[in-house]
Amino acid sequence: MKRNIYIDFSYFIVLAASFGAVIVLGAIVAPVIFHTDRIVSDLLIDHYNAGIIMGEIFHRFSYWVYFLAVFVGIYEAAAYKMGQRDSIAFGASVTVLFSSLMFSAIYSPKILEMQAMGREATQSDTFNNIHIASEIDFKILAVALVVLFVRRLMLLKI
């Protein structure tokens, strides 16, 4: 069966864009938002309000992550059906699916819910544990995206 180069190209663009977004949000946006005191002197955002801003950014990013999960699921299911089976690509795609859904469907809503409860809820151990777990999940998503991108690129060449 002939592969559609436009679908493959779109898949690689989505994987690369998603990885780029994860890196930009985690390594650039979050540190800037949480350390406004180092950047501007007239505008100081406290940690709680910075968290509210980041929560909204991640909530909006969740829509893209849902799209990513659906696209990866459909593409990888089609590739599997066409006989393009690879254990590394399968493992990476399952990791992308689960980590993206964990982030968008569990961590982000739970963090937003606790932020809505007020400042005290965000200073609890429960919030801290959920936040740490979401950061780990975000890093796992980044690694899985890179592995899936590289492996699918290698398999495309074969």
N, C-alpha and C. Protein backbone atom coordinates (compact mmCIF):
# COMPACT_ATOMS: atom_id res chain seq x y z
N MET A 1 0.84 -1.18 0.00
CA MET A 1 0.00 0.00 0.00
C MET A 1 0.89 1.24 0.00
N LYS A 2 0.57 2.16 -0.85
CA LYS A 2 1.37 3.38 -0.98
C LYS A 2 1.08 4.33 0.18
N ARG A 3 2.15 4.90 0.72
CA ARG A 3 2.03 5.87 1.81
C ARG A 3 1.75 7.25 1.25
N ASN A 4 1.03 8.00 2.00
CA ASN A 4 0.75 9.38 1.62
C ASN A 4 1.80 10.28 2.27
N ILE A 5 2.64 10.86 1.48
CA ILE A 5 3.75 11.68 1.98
C ILE A 5 3.25 12.90 2.75
N TYR A 6 2.08 13.42 2.38
CA TYR A 6 1.55 14.60 3.07
C TYR A 6 1.10 14.26 4.49
N ILE A 7 0.56 13.08 4.67
CA ILE A 7 0.16 12.65 6.01
C ILE A 7 1.41 12.42 6.87
N ASP A 8 2.41 11.77 6.29
CA ASP A 8 3.66 11.56 7.03
C ASP A 8 4.30 12.89 7.41
N PHE A 9 4.34 13.80 6.45
CA PHE A 9 4.93 15.12 6.71
C PHE A 9 4.15 15.85 7.81
N SER A 10 2.83 15.79 7.74
CA SER A 10 2.00 16.43 8.77
C SER A 10 2.26 15.82 10.14
N TYR A 11 2.44 14.50 10.17
CA TYR A 11 2.70 13.81 11.43
C TYR A 11 4.02 14.30 12.05
N PHE A 12 5.03 14.40 11.23
CA PHE A 12 6.33 14.88 11.73
C PHE A 12 6.25 16.34 12.20
N ILE A 13 5.49 17.15 11.48
CA ILE A 13 5.32 18.55 11.89
C ILE A 13 4.60 18.62 13.24
N VAL A 14 3.56 17.83 13.42
CA VAL A 14 2.81 17.84 14.69
C VAL A 14 3.70 17.37 15.83
N LEU A 15 4.47 16.31 15.60
CA LEU A 15 5.38 15.82 16.65
C LEU A 15 6.43 16.87 17.00
N ALA A 16 7.03 17.48 15.99
CA ALA A 16 8.07 18.48 16.23
C ALA A 16 7.50 19.73 16.89
N ALA A 17 6.35 20.18 16.43
CA ALA A 17 5.72 21.37 17.02
C ALA A 17 5.33 21.10 18.47
N SER A 18 4.85 19.91 18.75
CA SER A 18 4.46 19.56 20.12
C SER A 18 5.68 19.53 21.03
N PHE A 19 6.76 18.94 20.55
CA PHE A 19 7.99 18.92 21.34
C PHE A 19 8.47 20.35 21.58
N GLY A 20 8.45 21.16 20.54
CA GLY A 20 8.87 22.55 20.69
C GLY A 20 8.01 23.30 21.70
N ALA A 21 6.71 23.07 21.65
CA ALA A 21 5.82 23.73 22.60
C ALA A 21 6.08 23.28 24.03
N VAL A 22 6.32 22.00 24.22
CA VAL A 22 6.62 21.48 25.56
C VAL A 22 7.90 22.13 26.09
N ILE A 23 8.91 22.22 25.26
CA ILE A 23 10.17 22.82 25.69
C ILE A 23 9.99 24.32 25.97
N VAL A 24 9.31 25.01 25.09
CA VAL A 24 9.12 26.46 25.28
C VAL A 24 8.31 26.73 26.54
N LEU A 25 7.24 26.01 26.74
CA LEU A 25 6.42 26.23 27.94
C LEU A 25 7.17 25.90 29.22
N GLY A 26 7.87 24.77 29.21
CA GLY A 26 8.56 24.34 30.43
C GLY A 26 9.85 25.08 30.73
N ALA A 27 10.60 25.40 29.70
CA ALA A 27 11.93 25.98 29.92
C ALA A 27 11.98 27.50 29.76
N ILE A 28 11.01 28.07 29.08
CA ILE A 28 11.07 29.51 28.83
C ILE A 28 9.90 30.25 29.49
N VAL A 29 8.68 29.84 29.19
CA VAL A 29 7.52 30.57 29.69
C VAL A 29 7.40 30.48 31.21
N ALA A 30 7.46 29.28 31.76
CA ALA A 30 7.28 29.12 33.21
C ALA A 30 8.32 29.90 34.02
N PRO A 31 9.62 29.82 33.71
CA PRO A 31 10.57 30.61 34.48
C PRO A 31 10.35 32.12 34.38
N VAL A 32 9.92 32.59 33.23
CA VAL A 32 9.67 34.02 33.07
C VAL A 32 8.47 34.44 33.92
N ILE A 33 7.41 33.67 33.85
CA ILE A 33 6.19 34.02 34.60
C ILE A 33 6.44 33.98 36.10
N PHE A 34 7.17 32.96 36.56
CA PHE A 34 7.38 32.80 38.00
C PHE A 34 8.49 33.67 38.57
N HIS A 35 9.27 34.33 37.71
CA HIS A 35 10.36 35.19 38.19
C HIS A 35 10.27 36.59 37.59
N THR A 36 9.08 37.17 37.65
CA THR A 36 8.92 38.53 37.11
C THR A 36 9.73 39.54 37.90
N ASP A 37 10.05 39.23 39.16
CA ASP A 37 10.83 40.16 39.97
C ASP A 37 12.24 40.37 39.42
N ARG A 38 12.75 39.40 38.68
CA ARG A 38 14.09 39.53 38.10
C ARG A 38 14.08 40.28 36.77
N ILE A 39 12.90 40.45 36.19
CA ILE A 39 12.80 41.04 34.85
C ILE A 39 12.32 42.48 34.90
N VAL A 40 11.22 42.71 35.62
CA VAL A 40 10.66 44.05 35.70
C VAL A 40 10.59 44.49 37.16
N SER A 41 10.73 45.76 37.37
CA SER A 41 10.71 46.27 38.74
C SER A 41 9.36 46.87 39.12
N ASP A 42 8.60 47.35 38.15
CA ASP A 42 7.33 48.00 38.44
C ASP A 42 6.17 47.01 38.59
N LEU A 43 6.29 45.84 38.01
CA LEU A 43 5.22 44.87 38.03
C LEU A 43 5.71 43.61 38.72
N LEU A 44 5.14 43.33 39.87
CA LEU A 44 5.54 42.14 40.62
C LEU A 44 4.33 41.23 40.75
N ILE A 45 4.45 40.04 40.21
CA ILE A 45 3.38 39.06 40.30
C ILE A 45 3.78 38.04 41.37
N ASP A 46 2.93 37.88 42.38
CA ASP A 46 3.25 36.90 43.43
C ASP A 46 3.13 35.49 42.87
N HIS A 47 3.64 34.53 43.63
CA HIS A 47 3.72 33.14 43.18
C HIS A 47 2.33 32.57 42.88
N TYR A 48 1.36 32.90 43.69
CA TYR A 48 0.00 32.38 43.49
C TYR A 48 -0.59 32.88 42.17
N ASN A 49 -0.50 34.17 41.90
CA ASN A 49 -1.04 34.73 40.66
C ASN A 49 -0.25 34.27 39.43
N ALA A 50 1.06 34.07 39.60
CA ALA A 50 1.86 33.51 38.50
C ALA A 50 1.37 32.10 38.19
N GLY A 51 1.03 31.36 39.24
CA GLY A 51 0.49 30.02 39.04
C GLY A 51 -0.85 30.03 38.33
N ILE A 52 -1.66 31.03 38.62
CA ILE A 52 -2.95 31.17 37.93
C ILE A 52 -2.71 31.42 36.44
N ILE A 53 -1.76 32.27 36.12
CA ILE A 53 -1.44 32.56 34.72
C ILE A 53 -0.92 31.30 34.02
N MET A 54 0.01 30.60 34.66
CA MET A 54 0.54 29.37 34.06
C MET A 54 -0.54 28.32 33.91
N GLY A 55 -1.43 28.25 34.89
CA GLY A 55 -2.53 27.30 34.80
C GLY A 55 -3.40 27.56 33.59
N GLU A 56 -3.67 28.82 33.31
CA GLU A 56 -4.47 29.16 32.13
C GLU A 56 -3.71 28.85 30.84
N ILE A 57 -2.41 29.10 30.84
CA ILE A 57 -1.60 28.77 29.66
C ILE A 57 -1.64 27.27 29.40
N PHE A 58 -1.45 26.48 30.44
CA PHE A 58 -1.47 25.02 30.28
C PHE A 58 -2.88 24.51 29.96
N HIS A 59 -3.89 25.16 30.47
CA HIS A 59 -5.26 24.78 30.13
C HIS A 59 -5.50 24.97 28.63
N ARG A 60 -5.05 26.08 28.09
CA ARG A 60 -5.20 26.32 26.65
C ARG A 60 -4.33 25.37 25.83
N PHE A 61 -3.14 25.08 26.35
CA PHE A 61 -2.27 24.14 25.65
C PHE A 61 -2.85 22.73 25.65
N SER A 62 -3.69 22.42 26.62
CA SER A 62 -4.31 21.10 26.71
C SER A 62 -5.13 20.77 25.46
N TYR A 63 -5.72 21.77 24.83
CA TYR A 63 -6.48 21.51 23.60
C TYR A 63 -5.55 20.97 22.51
N TRP A 64 -4.37 21.54 22.40
CA TRP A 64 -3.40 21.05 21.43
C TRP A 64 -2.96 19.63 21.80
N VAL A 65 -2.79 19.38 23.08
CA VAL A 65 -2.33 18.07 23.54
C VAL A 65 -3.40 17.00 23.26
N TYR A 66 -4.67 17.35 23.41
CA TYR A 66 -5.74 16.43 23.02
C TYR A 66 -5.66 16.11 21.53
N PHE A 67 -5.47 17.14 20.72
CA PHE A 67 -5.31 16.93 19.27
C PHE A 67 -4.12 16.03 19.00
N LEU A 68 -3.01 16.27 19.69
CA LEU A 68 -1.82 15.45 19.53
C LEU A 68 -2.13 13.99 19.84
N ALA A 69 -2.82 13.73 20.93
CA ALA A 69 -3.14 12.36 21.33
C ALA A 69 -4.00 11.67 20.27
N VAL A 70 -4.99 12.37 19.76
CA VAL A 70 -5.86 11.79 18.73
C VAL A 70 -5.07 11.53 17.45
N PHE A 71 -4.26 12.49 17.03
CA PHE A 71 -3.49 12.34 15.80
C PHE A 71 -2.49 11.19 15.90
N VAL A 72 -1.78 11.12 17.02
CA VAL A 72 -0.81 10.02 17.22
C VAL A 72 -1.55 8.69 17.24
N GLY A 73 -2.66 8.63 17.95
CA GLY A 73 -3.43 7.38 18.01
C GLY A 73 -3.88 6.90 16.65
N ILE A 74 -4.44 7.81 15.86
CA ILE A 74 -4.93 7.43 14.53
C ILE A 74 -3.78 7.05 13.61
N TYR A 75 -2.72 7.86 13.59
CA TYR A 75 -1.59 7.59 12.71
C TYR A 75 -0.93 6.26 13.05
N GLU A 76 -0.69 6.04 14.34
CA GLU A 76 -0.01 4.81 14.74
C GLU A 76 -0.89 3.58 14.53
N ALA A 77 -2.21 3.71 14.72
CA ALA A 77 -3.12 2.60 14.45
C ALA A 77 -3.12 2.26 12.96
N ALA A 78 -3.12 3.29 12.12
CA ALA A 78 -3.08 3.07 10.67
C ALA A 78 -1.75 2.44 10.26
N ALA A 79 -0.65 2.91 10.85
CA ALA A 79 0.66 2.34 10.54
C ALA A 79 0.72 0.87 10.97
N TYR A 80 0.16 0.58 12.12
CA TYR A 80 0.13 -0.81 12.61
C TYR A 80 -0.69 -1.69 11.67
N LYS A 81 -1.82 -1.17 11.24
CA LYS A 81 -2.70 -1.93 10.33
C LYS A 81 -2.03 -2.18 8.99
N MET A 82 -1.20 -1.23 8.54
CA MET A 82 -0.50 -1.40 7.25
C MET A 82 0.74 -2.27 7.39
N GLY A 83 0.99 -2.80 8.58
CA GLY A 83 2.12 -3.70 8.77
C GLY A 83 3.42 -3.02 9.16
N GLN A 84 3.36 -1.75 9.48
CA GLN A 84 4.56 -1.01 9.88
C GLN A 84 4.71 -1.10 11.40
N ARG A 85 4.98 -2.30 11.86
CA ARG A 85 5.05 -2.54 13.29
C ARG A 85 6.49 -2.41 13.77
N ASP A 86 6.64 -1.64 14.83
CA ASP A 86 7.96 -1.44 15.43
C ASP A 86 7.77 -1.26 16.92
N SER A 87 8.53 -2.01 17.70
CA SER A 87 8.33 -1.98 19.15
C SER A 87 8.72 -0.64 19.76
N ILE A 88 9.74 0.02 19.23
CA ILE A 88 10.16 1.32 19.78
C ILE A 88 9.11 2.39 19.46
N ALA A 89 8.65 2.42 18.23
CA ALA A 89 7.60 3.39 17.85
C ALA A 89 6.32 3.11 18.63
N PHE A 90 5.99 1.84 18.81
CA PHE A 90 4.78 1.50 19.56
C PHE A 90 4.90 1.97 21.01
N GLY A 91 6.03 1.68 21.64
CA GLY A 91 6.23 2.10 23.03
C GLY A 91 6.21 3.61 23.19
N ALA A 92 6.86 4.30 22.26
CA ALA A 92 6.90 5.76 22.32
C ALA A 92 5.52 6.35 22.07
N SER A 93 4.78 5.79 21.14
CA SER A 93 3.44 6.32 20.85
C SER A 93 2.48 6.07 22.01
N VAL A 94 2.57 4.92 22.64
CA VAL A 94 1.74 4.65 23.82
C VAL A 94 2.11 5.61 24.95
N THR A 95 3.39 5.87 25.11
CA THR A 95 3.84 6.82 26.13
C THR A 95 3.34 8.23 25.82
N VAL A 96 3.38 8.64 24.56
CA VAL A 96 2.85 9.95 24.17
C VAL A 96 1.36 10.01 24.47
N LEU A 97 0.63 8.96 24.11
CA LEU A 97 -0.81 8.94 24.36
C LEU A 97 -1.12 9.06 25.84
N PHE A 98 -0.52 8.21 26.65
CA PHE A 98 -0.83 8.21 28.07
C PHE A 98 -0.36 9.48 28.78
N SER A 99 0.85 9.92 28.47
CA SER A 99 1.34 11.12 29.16
C SER A 99 0.57 12.36 28.73
N SER A 100 0.19 12.45 27.46
CA SER A 100 -0.58 13.61 27.02
C SER A 100 -1.97 13.60 27.63
N LEU A 101 -2.60 12.45 27.71
CA LEU A 101 -3.92 12.38 28.32
C LEU A 101 -3.85 12.59 29.83
N MET A 102 -2.81 12.10 30.47
CA MET A 102 -2.64 12.35 31.91
C MET A 102 -2.50 13.85 32.16
N PHE A 103 -1.70 14.50 31.33
CA PHE A 103 -1.49 15.93 31.51
C PHE A 103 -2.78 16.72 31.29
N SER A 104 -3.45 16.45 30.18
CA SER A 104 -4.62 17.25 29.80
C SER A 104 -5.89 16.89 30.55
N ALA A 105 -6.07 15.62 30.84
CA ALA A 105 -7.34 15.20 31.44
C ALA A 105 -7.28 15.06 32.96
N ILE A 106 -6.09 14.94 33.51
CA ILE A 106 -6.01 14.72 34.95
C ILE A 106 -5.26 15.85 35.65
N TYR A 107 -4.00 16.08 35.29
CA TYR A 107 -3.20 17.05 36.03
C TYR A 107 -3.68 18.49 35.87
N SER A 108 -3.86 18.93 34.64
CA SER A 108 -4.28 20.33 34.43
C SER A 108 -5.61 20.65 35.09
N PRO A 109 -6.65 19.83 34.88
CA PRO A 109 -7.92 20.15 35.55
C PRO A 109 -7.82 20.12 37.08
N LYS A 110 -7.07 19.17 37.61
CA LYS A 110 -6.93 19.08 39.06
C LYS A 110 -6.19 20.30 39.62
N ILE A 111 -5.15 20.72 38.95
CA ILE A 111 -4.41 21.92 39.39
C ILE A 111 -5.30 23.16 39.31
N LEU A 112 -6.05 23.30 38.22
CA LEU A 112 -6.96 24.44 38.09
C LEU A 112 -8.04 24.41 39.17
N GLU A 113 -8.53 23.23 39.47
CA GLU A 113 -9.55 23.08 40.51
C GLU A 113 -9.01 23.51 41.88
N MET A 114 -7.79 23.10 42.18
CA MET A 114 -7.20 23.46 43.46
C MET A 114 -6.87 24.96 43.51
N GLN A 115 -6.47 25.53 42.38
CA GLN A 115 -6.23 26.98 42.34
C GLN A 115 -7.51 27.75 42.58
N ALA A 116 -8.62 27.23 42.08
CA ALA A 116 -9.91 27.89 42.27
C ALA A 116 -10.34 27.87 43.73
N MET A 117 -9.83 26.91 44.50
CA MET A 117 -10.15 26.84 45.93
C MET A 117 -9.46 27.93 46.73
N GLY A 118 -8.43 28.53 46.15
CA GLY A 118 -7.75 29.62 46.83
C GLY A 118 -6.29 29.34 47.12
N ARG A 119 -5.66 30.34 47.66
CA ARG A 119 -4.22 30.31 47.93
C ARG A 119 -3.83 29.16 48.87
N GLU A 120 -4.65 28.89 49.87
CA GLU A 120 -4.31 27.87 50.86
C GLU A 120 -4.24 26.48 50.23
N ALA A 121 -5.14 26.21 49.28
CA ALA A 121 -5.14 24.90 48.62
C ALA A 121 -3.87 24.69 47.79
N THR A 122 -3.32 25.76 47.26
CA THR A 122 -2.11 25.63 46.44
C THR A 122 -0.85 25.51 47.29
N GLN A 123 -0.97 25.67 48.59
CA GLN A 123 0.18 25.52 49.47
C GLN A 123 0.17 24.18 50.20
N SER A 124 -0.75 23.31 49.83
CA SER A 124 -0.86 22.00 50.48
C SER A 124 0.11 21.00 49.87
N ASP A 125 0.34 19.93 50.60
CA ASP A 125 1.20 18.86 50.09
C ASP A 125 0.56 18.16 48.89
N THR A 126 -0.76 18.06 48.91
CA THR A 126 -1.46 17.43 47.78
C THR A 126 -1.21 18.20 46.50
N PHE A 127 -1.36 19.52 46.55
CA PHE A 127 -1.10 20.34 45.37
C PHE A 127 0.34 20.21 44.92
N ASN A 128 1.26 20.25 45.87
CA ASN A 128 2.68 20.13 45.54
C ASN A 128 2.97 18.79 44.86
N ASN A 129 2.39 17.70 45.36
CA ASN A 129 2.60 16.39 44.76
C ASN A 129 2.01 16.30 43.36
N ILE A 130 0.82 16.86 43.18
CA ILE A 130 0.21 16.86 41.85
C ILE A 130 1.04 17.69 40.88
N HIS A 131 1.54 18.82 41.34
CA HIS A 131 2.35 19.69 40.50
C HIS A 131 3.66 19.00 40.09
N ILE A 132 4.31 18.35 41.03
CA ILE A 132 5.55 17.63 40.73
C ILE A 132 5.28 16.49 39.74
N ALA A 133 4.18 15.77 39.97
CA ALA A 133 3.82 14.68 39.05
C ALA A 133 3.54 15.21 37.64
N SER A 134 2.90 16.38 37.56
CA SER A 134 2.62 16.95 36.23
C SER A 134 3.91 17.39 35.54
N GLU A 135 4.87 17.90 36.31
CA GLU A 135 6.16 18.26 35.71
C GLU A 135 6.89 17.03 35.19
N ILE A 136 6.87 15.96 35.96
CA ILE A 136 7.51 14.71 35.52
C ILE A 136 6.81 14.19 34.27
N ASP A 137 5.49 14.22 34.26
CA ASP A 137 4.72 13.77 33.11
C ASP A 137 5.05 14.60 31.87
N PHE A 138 5.21 15.90 32.04
CA PHE A 138 5.55 16.79 30.93
C PHE A 138 6.92 16.43 30.36
N LYS A 139 7.87 16.09 31.23
CA LYS A 139 9.20 15.70 30.77
C LYS A 139 9.15 14.35 30.05
N ILE A 140 8.35 13.43 30.57
CA ILE A 140 8.18 12.14 29.90
C ILE A 140 7.58 12.35 28.52
N LEU A 141 6.60 13.25 28.42
CA LEU A 141 5.99 13.56 27.12
C LEU A 141 7.04 14.08 26.15
N ALA A 142 7.91 14.96 26.61
CA ALA A 142 8.94 15.53 25.73
C ALA A 142 9.87 14.44 25.21
N VAL A 143 10.33 13.56 26.09
CA VAL A 143 11.24 12.48 25.69
C VAL A 143 10.53 11.53 24.72
N ALA A 144 9.29 11.17 25.02
CA ALA A 144 8.55 10.26 24.15
C ALA A 144 8.32 10.87 22.77
N LEU A 145 8.07 12.18 22.70
CA LEU A 145 7.90 12.83 21.41
C LEU A 145 9.17 12.78 20.58
N VAL A 146 10.31 13.01 21.21
CA VAL A 146 11.58 12.95 20.48
C VAL A 146 11.85 11.53 20.00
N VAL A 147 11.65 10.56 20.88
CA VAL A 147 11.89 9.16 20.50
C VAL A 147 10.98 8.76 19.35
N LEU A 148 9.70 9.12 19.43
CA LEU A 148 8.76 8.77 18.37
C LEU A 148 9.12 9.46 17.06
N PHE A 149 9.49 10.73 17.13
CA PHE A 149 9.88 11.47 15.92
C PHE A 149 11.08 10.81 15.25
N VAL A 150 12.12 10.56 16.04
CA VAL A 150 13.35 9.99 15.48
C VAL A 150 13.11 8.59 14.94
N ARG A 151 12.37 7.78 15.69
CA ARG A 151 12.13 6.39 15.25
C ARG A 151 11.29 6.36 13.98
N ARG A 152 10.24 7.14 13.92
CA ARG A 152 9.41 7.16 12.72
C ARG A 152 10.19 7.70 11.52
N LEU A 153 11.08 8.64 11.77
CA LEU A 153 11.94 9.16 10.70
C LEU A 153 12.88 8.06 10.20
N MET A 154 13.42 7.30 11.12
CA MET A 154 14.31 6.19 10.74
C MET A 154 13.53 5.13 9.97
N LEU A 155 12.33 4.83 10.37
CA LEU A 155 11.52 3.82 9.69
C LEU A 155 11.04 4.30 8.33
N LEU A 156 10.88 5.60 8.17
CA LEU A 156 10.46 6.16 6.89
C LEU A 156 11.55 5.95 5.84
N LYS A 157 12.79 5.99 6.29
CA LYS A 157 13.91 5.82 5.38
C LYS A 157 14.02 4.39 4.89
N ILE A 158 13.63 3.46 5.73
CA ILE A 158 13.76 2.03 5.39
C ILE A 158 12.79 1.63 4.33
